[in-house]
Amino acid sequence: MGYRSEVAYAVQFKDKEHRIRFMATQALNPHLDLTEFNLFNDDTIIFHAEQRKWYDDYDDVKAHTQLLKDAEEQECSFEFSRVGEEHDDIVYKCGDDGGIGLIEVYTSVHIGGMEDSVAYPIGEQL
C-alpha cells in the first residue's frame, strides 16, 4: 500500500503566453501527466492529487519538483503543500513573494476507535 499524501500546488505565471511556453516545455517530460493540471485562470495552473505516493525518489515526484524549481527560477509565484498520513506531516512552501493565496491547509484532530464498541450508561450497571 505505502504511505500516501494529499498534494497541491499552484503556479502563477507572468501572463498567459508565459504559461503556454512554460507548460509546453514541461510537456516534454515523460513523467508529467498534463491531464492532472487545471487552469485557475489564464496565467495560473493548479495541481491537486489525493492519496498519492509522494516519495522524493519517484520519477513523477522529481518531475513535479523540477517544475516548481523551474517556475521559481522564472520568477513565478507559487505555493506547494503536502499533507501526509501522520498528523504532524505537513509541508507548505511558497515563493519569496508570499505565494498566491490559493492553498489553505486545515488540520483536524479527533478521538476515534471506539465507534464499534458496545457501551452502556453507568447508571444501568449500579
N, C-alpha and C. Protein backbone atom coordinates (compact mmCIF):
# COMPACT_ATOMS: atom_id res chain seq x y z
N MET A 1 0.83 -1.19 0.00
CA MET A 1 0.00 0.00 0.00
C MET A 1 0.87 1.25 0.00
N GLY A 2 1.67 1.42 1.00
CA GLY A 2 2.55 2.57 1.05
C GLY A 2 1.92 3.79 1.67
N TYR A 3 2.77 4.70 2.03
CA TYR A 3 2.38 5.96 2.66
C TYR A 3 1.82 6.89 1.60
N ARG A 4 0.69 7.48 1.87
CA ARG A 4 0.04 8.35 0.88
C ARG A 4 -0.13 9.76 1.42
N SER A 5 -0.15 10.69 0.51
CA SER A 5 -0.27 12.10 0.85
C SER A 5 -1.29 12.78 -0.04
N GLU A 6 -1.77 13.91 0.41
CA GLU A 6 -2.54 14.82 -0.44
C GLU A 6 -1.57 15.93 -0.82
N VAL A 7 -1.50 16.23 -2.10
CA VAL A 7 -0.54 17.19 -2.61
C VAL A 7 -1.27 18.22 -3.47
N ALA A 8 -0.92 19.48 -3.27
CA ALA A 8 -1.49 20.53 -4.12
C ALA A 8 -0.44 21.61 -4.33
N TYR A 9 -0.45 22.17 -5.53
CA TYR A 9 0.36 23.36 -5.76
C TYR A 9 -0.27 24.21 -6.85
N ALA A 10 0.11 25.46 -6.83
CA ALA A 10 -0.36 26.43 -7.81
C ALA A 10 0.83 27.26 -8.28
N VAL A 11 0.84 27.58 -9.55
CA VAL A 11 1.90 28.41 -10.13
C VAL A 11 1.23 29.53 -10.91
N GLN A 12 1.62 30.75 -10.60
CA GLN A 12 1.10 31.92 -11.32
C GLN A 12 2.21 32.49 -12.19
N PHE A 13 1.95 32.54 -13.49
CA PHE A 13 2.93 33.00 -14.46
C PHE A 13 2.77 34.49 -14.72
N LYS A 14 3.70 35.06 -15.45
CA LYS A 14 3.66 36.49 -15.73
C LYS A 14 2.44 36.87 -16.57
N ASP A 15 2.06 35.97 -17.48
CA ASP A 15 0.88 36.17 -18.32
C ASP A 15 0.54 34.86 -19.01
N LYS A 16 -0.50 34.86 -19.80
CA LYS A 16 -0.97 33.64 -20.47
C LYS A 16 0.10 33.06 -21.39
N GLU A 17 0.78 33.92 -22.15
CA GLU A 17 1.80 33.44 -23.08
C GLU A 17 2.95 32.77 -22.34
N HIS A 18 3.33 33.33 -21.22
CA HIS A 18 4.39 32.72 -20.41
C HIS A 18 3.97 31.33 -19.94
N ARG A 19 2.72 31.22 -19.50
CA ARG A 19 2.21 29.91 -19.06
C ARG A 19 2.26 28.89 -20.18
N ILE A 20 1.82 29.30 -21.36
CA ILE A 20 1.78 28.38 -22.51
C ILE A 20 3.18 27.91 -22.87
N ARG A 21 4.13 28.83 -22.95
CA ARG A 21 5.52 28.46 -23.28
C ARG A 21 6.11 27.55 -22.21
N PHE A 22 5.89 27.90 -20.95
CA PHE A 22 6.44 27.13 -19.83
C PHE A 22 5.88 25.70 -19.84
N MET A 23 4.57 25.55 -19.95
CA MET A 23 3.95 24.23 -19.90
C MET A 23 4.27 23.41 -21.16
N ALA A 24 4.49 24.07 -22.28
CA ALA A 24 4.91 23.34 -23.48
C ALA A 24 6.28 22.70 -23.25
N THR A 25 7.16 23.39 -22.58
CA THR A 25 8.46 22.83 -22.23
C THR A 25 8.31 21.69 -21.24
N GLN A 26 7.45 21.87 -20.24
CA GLN A 26 7.24 20.83 -19.23
C GLN A 26 6.62 19.58 -19.85
N ALA A 27 5.83 19.76 -20.90
CA ALA A 27 5.17 18.63 -21.56
C ALA A 27 6.17 17.64 -22.16
N LEU A 28 7.40 18.07 -22.35
CA LEU A 28 8.44 17.19 -22.88
C LEU A 28 8.90 16.16 -21.85
N ASN A 29 8.58 16.40 -20.58
CA ASN A 29 8.97 15.46 -19.53
C ASN A 29 7.98 14.29 -19.52
N PRO A 30 8.45 13.08 -19.81
CA PRO A 30 7.53 11.94 -19.88
C PRO A 30 6.92 11.54 -18.54
N HIS A 31 7.43 12.09 -17.45
CA HIS A 31 6.94 11.73 -16.12
C HIS A 31 5.87 12.70 -15.60
N LEU A 32 5.53 13.70 -16.40
CA LEU A 32 4.45 14.63 -16.04
C LEU A 32 3.23 14.30 -16.88
N ASP A 33 2.10 14.18 -16.21
CA ASP A 33 0.83 13.95 -16.90
C ASP A 33 0.06 15.27 -16.90
N LEU A 34 0.07 15.95 -18.02
CA LEU A 34 -0.54 17.28 -18.09
C LEU A 34 -2.05 17.25 -17.87
N THR A 35 -2.66 16.08 -18.00
CA THR A 35 -4.10 16.00 -17.74
C THR A 35 -4.40 16.16 -16.25
N GLU A 36 -3.38 16.11 -15.40
CA GLU A 36 -3.57 16.29 -13.96
C GLU A 36 -3.61 17.77 -13.56
N PHE A 37 -3.35 18.66 -14.51
CA PHE A 37 -3.32 20.08 -14.23
C PHE A 37 -4.62 20.74 -14.66
N ASN A 38 -4.98 21.80 -13.96
CA ASN A 38 -6.14 22.60 -14.33
C ASN A 38 -5.73 24.06 -14.37
N LEU A 39 -6.50 24.83 -15.11
CA LEU A 39 -6.29 26.27 -15.13
C LEU A 39 -7.17 26.90 -14.06
N PHE A 40 -6.57 27.77 -13.28
CA PHE A 40 -7.35 28.58 -12.35
C PHE A 40 -7.83 29.83 -13.08
N ASN A 41 -6.95 30.40 -13.85
CA ASN A 41 -7.27 31.49 -14.77
C ASN A 41 -6.22 31.47 -15.88
N ASP A 42 -6.18 32.45 -16.73
CA ASP A 42 -5.28 32.41 -17.88
C ASP A 42 -3.81 32.27 -17.52
N ASP A 43 -3.41 32.79 -16.36
CA ASP A 43 -1.99 32.77 -16.02
C ASP A 43 -1.64 31.88 -14.82
N THR A 44 -2.58 31.07 -14.35
CA THR A 44 -2.33 30.25 -13.16
C THR A 44 -2.79 28.82 -13.36
N ILE A 45 -1.87 27.88 -13.07
CA ILE A 45 -2.20 26.46 -13.12
C ILE A 45 -2.30 25.92 -11.70
N ILE A 46 -3.09 24.87 -11.55
CA ILE A 46 -3.18 24.20 -10.25
C ILE A 46 -3.04 22.69 -10.46
N PHE A 47 -2.45 22.06 -9.47
CA PHE A 47 -2.30 20.61 -9.44
C PHE A 47 -2.80 20.16 -8.08
N HIS A 48 -3.61 19.11 -8.06
CA HIS A 48 -4.12 18.58 -6.79
C HIS A 48 -4.28 17.07 -6.93
N ALA A 49 -3.70 16.34 -6.00
CA ALA A 49 -3.81 14.88 -6.02
C ALA A 49 -4.03 14.38 -4.60
N GLU A 50 -4.98 13.50 -4.44
CA GLU A 50 -5.24 12.87 -3.15
C GLU A 50 -4.73 11.44 -3.18
N GLN A 51 -4.37 10.92 -2.02
CA GLN A 51 -3.94 9.52 -1.91
C GLN A 51 -2.80 9.20 -2.88
N ARG A 52 -1.81 10.08 -2.92
CA ARG A 52 -0.68 9.94 -3.85
C ARG A 52 0.55 9.49 -3.09
N LYS A 53 1.25 8.52 -3.63
CA LYS A 53 2.55 8.14 -3.07
C LYS A 53 3.53 9.21 -3.52
N TRP A 54 4.01 10.01 -2.58
CA TRP A 54 4.84 11.17 -2.89
C TRP A 54 6.21 10.96 -2.28
N TYR A 55 6.98 10.08 -2.91
CA TYR A 55 8.33 9.78 -2.45
C TYR A 55 9.32 10.56 -3.31
N ASP A 56 10.32 11.17 -2.67
CA ASP A 56 11.28 12.01 -3.38
C ASP A 56 12.00 11.29 -4.51
N ASP A 57 12.16 9.98 -4.43
CA ASP A 57 12.89 9.25 -5.46
C ASP A 57 12.01 8.74 -6.60
N TYR A 58 10.70 9.00 -6.56
CA TYR A 58 9.80 8.62 -7.65
C TYR A 58 9.97 9.60 -8.81
N ASP A 59 9.96 9.08 -10.03
CA ASP A 59 10.18 9.92 -11.21
C ASP A 59 9.13 11.01 -11.37
N ASP A 60 7.87 10.70 -11.09
CA ASP A 60 6.84 11.74 -11.24
C ASP A 60 7.01 12.83 -10.20
N VAL A 61 7.41 12.46 -9.00
CA VAL A 61 7.63 13.47 -7.95
C VAL A 61 8.83 14.34 -8.32
N LYS A 62 9.88 13.74 -8.85
CA LYS A 62 11.03 14.52 -9.32
C LYS A 62 10.60 15.50 -10.40
N ALA A 63 9.70 15.06 -11.28
CA ALA A 63 9.22 15.93 -12.37
C ALA A 63 8.44 17.12 -11.82
N HIS A 64 7.56 16.88 -10.85
CA HIS A 64 6.80 17.97 -10.24
C HIS A 64 7.74 18.92 -9.48
N THR A 65 8.70 18.36 -8.78
CA THR A 65 9.67 19.18 -8.04
C THR A 65 10.47 20.06 -9.00
N GLN A 66 10.87 19.48 -10.13
CA GLN A 66 11.61 20.25 -11.12
C GLN A 66 10.74 21.35 -11.72
N LEU A 67 9.48 21.06 -11.97
CA LEU A 67 8.56 22.07 -12.49
C LEU A 67 8.52 23.27 -11.54
N LEU A 68 8.40 23.00 -10.25
CA LEU A 68 8.36 24.10 -9.28
C LEU A 68 9.68 24.87 -9.23
N LYS A 69 10.80 24.17 -9.34
CA LYS A 69 12.11 24.85 -9.37
C LYS A 69 12.21 25.73 -10.60
N ASP A 70 11.79 25.19 -11.75
CA ASP A 70 11.82 25.98 -12.99
C ASP A 70 10.95 27.22 -12.88
N ALA A 71 9.77 27.06 -12.29
CA ALA A 71 8.86 28.20 -12.12
C ALA A 71 9.49 29.26 -11.22
N GLU A 72 10.11 28.81 -10.14
CA GLU A 72 10.76 29.76 -9.23
C GLU A 72 11.90 30.49 -9.93
N GLU A 73 12.70 29.77 -10.73
CA GLU A 73 13.80 30.39 -11.46
C GLU A 73 13.29 31.44 -12.45
N GLN A 74 12.06 31.23 -12.95
CA GLN A 74 11.48 32.19 -13.90
C GLN A 74 10.64 33.25 -13.18
N GLU A 75 10.83 33.34 -11.87
CA GLU A 75 10.19 34.36 -11.03
C GLU A 75 8.67 34.30 -11.04
N CYS A 76 8.15 33.08 -11.06
CA CYS A 76 6.71 32.88 -10.95
C CYS A 76 6.33 32.78 -9.48
N SER A 77 5.14 33.21 -9.15
CA SER A 77 4.62 32.99 -7.81
C SER A 77 4.16 31.55 -7.72
N PHE A 78 4.36 30.93 -6.55
CA PHE A 78 3.90 29.56 -6.39
C PHE A 78 3.61 29.25 -4.93
N GLU A 79 2.80 28.23 -4.75
CA GLU A 79 2.53 27.66 -3.43
C GLU A 79 2.52 26.15 -3.59
N PHE A 80 3.02 25.46 -2.58
CA PHE A 80 3.04 24.00 -2.58
C PHE A 80 2.67 23.52 -1.19
N SER A 81 1.84 22.49 -1.13
CA SER A 81 1.51 21.89 0.15
C SER A 81 1.37 20.37 -0.02
N ARG A 82 1.89 19.66 0.98
CA ARG A 82 1.73 18.21 1.04
C ARG A 82 1.34 17.84 2.46
N VAL A 83 0.27 17.06 2.58
CA VAL A 83 -0.20 16.60 3.89
C VAL A 83 -0.15 15.08 3.86
N GLY A 84 0.65 14.51 4.76
CA GLY A 84 0.80 13.07 4.82
C GLY A 84 -0.21 12.42 5.76
N GLU A 85 -0.07 11.14 5.95
CA GLU A 85 -0.99 10.39 6.80
C GLU A 85 -0.79 10.69 8.28
N GLU A 86 0.41 11.00 8.68
CA GLU A 86 0.68 11.32 10.08
C GLU A 86 0.22 12.74 10.38
N HIS A 87 -0.31 12.96 11.57
CA HIS A 87 -0.91 14.26 11.90
C HIS A 87 0.07 15.42 11.86
N ASP A 88 1.35 15.16 12.02
CA ASP A 88 2.32 16.25 12.01
C ASP A 88 3.13 16.31 10.71
N ASP A 89 2.72 15.57 9.69
CA ASP A 89 3.43 15.55 8.42
C ASP A 89 2.78 16.51 7.44
N ILE A 90 3.11 17.79 7.61
CA ILE A 90 2.56 18.85 6.77
C ILE A 90 3.71 19.70 6.24
N VAL A 91 3.74 19.89 4.93
CA VAL A 91 4.76 20.72 4.30
C VAL A 91 4.05 21.83 3.55
N TYR A 92 4.51 23.05 3.73
CA TYR A 92 3.99 24.18 2.96
C TYR A 92 5.17 25.02 2.53
N LYS A 93 5.23 25.35 1.25
CA LYS A 93 6.29 26.20 0.70
C LYS A 93 5.65 27.20 -0.24
N CYS A 94 6.26 28.38 -0.28
CA CYS A 94 5.83 29.37 -1.27
C CYS A 94 7.04 30.18 -1.69
N GLY A 95 6.88 30.93 -2.74
CA GLY A 95 7.96 31.76 -3.23
C GLY A 95 8.25 32.92 -2.28
N ASP A 96 9.29 33.64 -2.58
CA ASP A 96 9.70 34.77 -1.75
C ASP A 96 8.63 35.85 -1.66
N ASP A 97 7.70 35.86 -2.61
CA ASP A 97 6.66 36.87 -2.63
C ASP A 97 5.48 36.52 -1.72
N GLY A 98 5.56 35.40 -1.03
CA GLY A 98 4.48 35.02 -0.11
C GLY A 98 3.42 34.14 -0.72
N GLY A 99 3.58 33.77 -1.98
CA GLY A 99 2.64 32.85 -2.61
C GLY A 99 1.47 33.57 -3.26
N ILE A 100 0.50 32.77 -3.65
CA ILE A 100 -0.63 33.26 -4.43
C ILE A 100 -1.87 33.46 -3.56
N GLY A 101 -1.98 32.67 -2.53
CA GLY A 101 -3.17 32.75 -1.67
C GLY A 101 -4.27 31.80 -2.07
N LEU A 102 -3.93 30.76 -2.84
CA LEU A 102 -4.94 29.79 -3.28
C LEU A 102 -5.02 28.57 -2.37
N ILE A 103 -3.93 28.23 -1.71
CA ILE A 103 -3.89 26.99 -0.94
C ILE A 103 -4.05 27.29 0.54
N GLU A 104 -5.00 26.62 1.14
CA GLU A 104 -5.20 26.71 2.58
C GLU A 104 -5.12 25.30 3.14
N VAL A 105 -4.39 25.14 4.22
CA VAL A 105 -4.25 23.83 4.85
C VAL A 105 -4.97 23.87 6.18
N TYR A 106 -5.89 22.95 6.35
CA TYR A 106 -6.62 22.83 7.61
C TYR A 106 -6.25 21.51 8.25
N THR A 107 -6.08 21.52 9.54
CA THR A 107 -5.86 20.26 10.25
C THR A 107 -7.04 20.01 11.17
N SER A 108 -7.29 18.74 11.39
CA SER A 108 -8.40 18.33 12.25
C SER A 108 -7.92 17.16 13.09
N VAL A 109 -8.15 17.24 14.38
CA VAL A 109 -7.77 16.15 15.28
C VAL A 109 -9.03 15.69 15.98
N HIS A 110 -9.23 14.37 16.03
CA HIS A 110 -10.39 13.84 16.72
C HIS A 110 -10.01 12.54 17.41
N ILE A 111 -10.83 12.12 18.32
CA ILE A 111 -10.64 10.85 19.01
C ILE A 111 -11.51 9.82 18.32
N GLY A 112 -10.94 8.69 18.01
CA GLY A 112 -11.69 7.65 17.32
C GLY A 112 -11.33 6.29 17.87
N GLY A 113 -11.88 5.29 17.25
CA GLY A 113 -11.57 3.92 17.62
C GLY A 113 -12.61 3.26 18.49
N MET A 114 -13.49 4.02 19.08
CA MET A 114 -14.50 3.45 19.97
C MET A 114 -15.86 3.34 19.29
N GLU A 115 -15.92 3.66 18.02
CA GLU A 115 -17.20 3.69 17.32
C GLU A 115 -17.93 2.34 17.34
N ASP A 116 -17.18 1.25 17.28
CA ASP A 116 -17.79 -0.08 17.22
C ASP A 116 -17.94 -0.74 18.60
N SER A 117 -17.53 -0.05 19.64
CA SER A 117 -17.63 -0.62 20.97
C SER A 117 -19.07 -0.55 21.48
N VAL A 118 -19.44 -1.54 22.25
CA VAL A 118 -20.75 -1.54 22.89
C VAL A 118 -20.58 -0.86 24.24
N ALA A 119 -21.37 0.14 24.49
CA ALA A 119 -21.26 0.87 25.76
C ALA A 119 -22.63 0.99 26.39
N TYR A 120 -22.65 0.91 27.69
CA TYR A 120 -23.89 1.05 28.46
C TYR A 120 -23.71 2.18 29.45
N PRO A 121 -24.74 2.98 29.62
CA PRO A 121 -24.65 4.03 30.62
C PRO A 121 -24.34 3.44 31.99
N ILE A 122 -23.47 4.09 32.72
CA ILE A 122 -23.01 3.59 34.01
C ILE A 122 -24.17 3.39 34.97
N GLY A 123 -25.21 4.18 34.86
CA GLY A 123 -26.37 4.07 35.76
C GLY A 123 -27.04 2.71 35.66
N GLU A 124 -27.00 2.09 34.51
CA GLU A 124 -27.64 0.76 34.36
C GLU A 124 -26.83 -0.33 35.03
N GLN A 125 -25.58 -0.07 35.34
CA GLN A 125 -24.71 -1.08 35.93
C GLN A 125 -24.70 -1.05 37.45
N LEU A 126 -25.25 -0.03 38.06
CA LEU A 126 -25.21 0.10 39.52
C LEU A 126 -26.29 -0.66 40.22
